[in-house]
Amino acid sequence: DAEPLWGRRLRSACRAILARLGRATLTELHAALHHLGYRIAGNHPVKTLADALGYDTDRGLVDRPRRGTYAHPGTLPRPTRLWPGGPPIGHITPNNTNTTP
């Protein structure tokens, strides 16, 4: 059986996953938690996950570069002349190297 997570333990587990990956979508975080033997407690797990990450985002512990995507603070790419808003997220690998040719 998977161990249920909620509250502080859920937020802590998500921050640990983001520290490893750099950034992840809600779906990727949910899958990673399952892979690690956890489940999200509650009737609406993805909403519970989003609420937990929203709490950490409000406190500056997690960055939210776009809807449904979260990042470990300091892993967001910096803007350049080529991409004033930063490189497109879809072209960034978990180790933050640009894969655009």
Protein backbone atom coordinates (compact mmCIF):
# COMPACT_ATOMS: atom_id res chain seq x y z
CA ASP A 1 0.00 0.00 0.00
CA ALA A 2 1.12 3.52 -0.80
CA GLU A 3 1.71 5.85 2.14
CA PRO A 4 -0.73 8.81 2.14
CA LEU A 5 0.71 12.33 2.10
CA TRP A 6 -0.95 15.64 2.91
CA GLY A 7 -0.01 19.01 4.35
CA ARG A 8 3.56 19.66 5.37
CA ARG A 9 4.80 16.18 4.39
CA LEU A 10 3.27 16.52 0.89
CA ARG A 11 4.85 19.95 0.39
CA SER A 12 8.21 18.69 1.64
CA ALA A 13 8.13 15.67 -0.70
CA CYS A 14 7.26 17.89 -3.67
CA ARG A 15 10.09 20.32 -2.87
CA ALA A 16 12.51 17.39 -2.69
CA ILE A 17 11.35 16.14 -6.10
CA LEU A 18 11.65 19.65 -7.56
CA ALA A 19 15.14 20.00 -6.08
CA ARG A 20 16.09 16.85 -8.01
CA LEU A 21 14.29 17.63 -11.29
CA GLY A 22 14.46 21.43 -11.33
CA ARG A 23 10.92 21.75 -12.67
CA ALA A 24 7.88 19.53 -13.18
CA THR A 25 4.22 19.65 -14.08
CA LEU A 26 1.51 18.60 -11.63
CA THR A 27 1.14 15.35 -13.59
CA GLU A 28 4.88 14.65 -13.38
CA LEU A 29 4.94 15.38 -9.65
CA HIS A 30 1.92 13.14 -9.08
CA ALA A 31 3.58 10.31 -11.02
CA ALA A 32 6.88 10.80 -9.15
CA LEU A 33 5.11 10.56 -5.79
CA HIS A 34 3.44 7.30 -6.87
CA HIS A 35 6.76 5.96 -8.12
CA LEU A 36 8.27 6.69 -4.70
CA GLY A 37 5.49 4.77 -2.93
CA TYR A 38 3.25 7.64 -1.85
CA ARG A 39 -0.28 8.67 -2.63
CA ILE A 40 -1.95 12.03 -2.16
CA ALA A 41 -4.60 11.93 0.56
CA GLY A 42 -7.97 13.41 -0.35
CA ASN A 43 -10.82 13.05 -2.82
CA HIS A 44 -9.20 15.25 -5.49
CA PRO A 45 -5.46 14.45 -5.44
CA VAL A 46 -4.35 16.81 -8.21
CA LYS A 47 -6.25 19.72 -6.63
CA THR A 48 -4.71 18.84 -3.27
CA LEU A 49 -1.28 18.83 -4.93
CA ALA A 50 -1.92 22.17 -6.66
CA ASP A 51 -3.15 23.73 -3.40
CA ALA A 52 -0.06 22.48 -1.55
CA LEU A 53 2.26 23.91 -4.20
CA GLY A 54 0.28 27.16 -4.26
CA TYR A 55 0.91 27.48 -0.52
CA ASP A 56 4.66 27.05 -1.07
CA THR A 57 4.59 29.41 -4.07
CA ASP A 58 3.02 32.14 -1.94
CA ARG A 59 5.87 31.74 0.56
CA GLY A 60 8.61 31.80 -2.10
CA LEU A 61 9.64 28.17 -1.53
CA VAL A 62 8.59 27.10 -5.05
CA ASP A 63 8.41 29.01 -8.35
CA ARG A 64 5.43 28.75 -10.71
CA PRO A 65 6.67 29.68 -14.20
CA ARG A 66 3.32 28.82 -15.82
CA ARG A 67 0.00 27.22 -15.01
CA GLY A 68 0.42 23.66 -13.75
CA THR A 69 4.24 23.83 -13.81
CA TYR A 70 6.41 24.33 -10.74
CA ALA A 71 10.15 24.79 -10.27
CA HIS A 72 12.69 24.72 -7.50
CA PRO A 73 13.69 28.32 -6.69
CA GLY A 74 16.72 29.46 -8.64
CA THR A 75 16.34 26.92 -11.46
CA LEU A 76 14.37 29.15 -13.81
CA PRO A 77 16.39 30.19 -16.86
CA ARG A 78 17.44 33.81 -16.96
CA PRO A 79 16.23 36.11 -19.72
CA THR A 80 18.61 36.77 -22.62
CA ARG A 81 18.49 39.01 -25.69
CA LEU A 82 17.20 36.05 -27.70
CA TRP A 83 14.45 35.25 -25.15
CA PRO A 84 13.61 38.36 -23.11
CA GLY A 85 11.16 36.37 -20.99
CA GLY A 86 13.53 33.39 -20.67
CA PRO A 87 13.74 30.36 -22.98
CA PRO A 88 10.51 28.48 -23.73
CA ILE A 89 9.95 25.95 -20.94
CA GLY A 90 9.31 23.11 -23.38
CA HIS A 91 12.90 23.38 -24.60
CA ILE A 92 14.51 23.06 -21.17
CA THR A 93 15.64 19.68 -19.86
CA PRO A 94 15.54 18.82 -16.13
CA ASN A 95 19.18 19.85 -15.75
CA ASN A 96 18.31 23.28 -17.28
CA THR A 97 20.33 22.92 -20.47
CA ASN A 98 18.82 24.41 -23.59
CA THR A 99 18.01 21.71 -26.16
CA THR A 100 17.13 24.12 -28.97
CA PRO A 101 19.53 23.71 -31.93
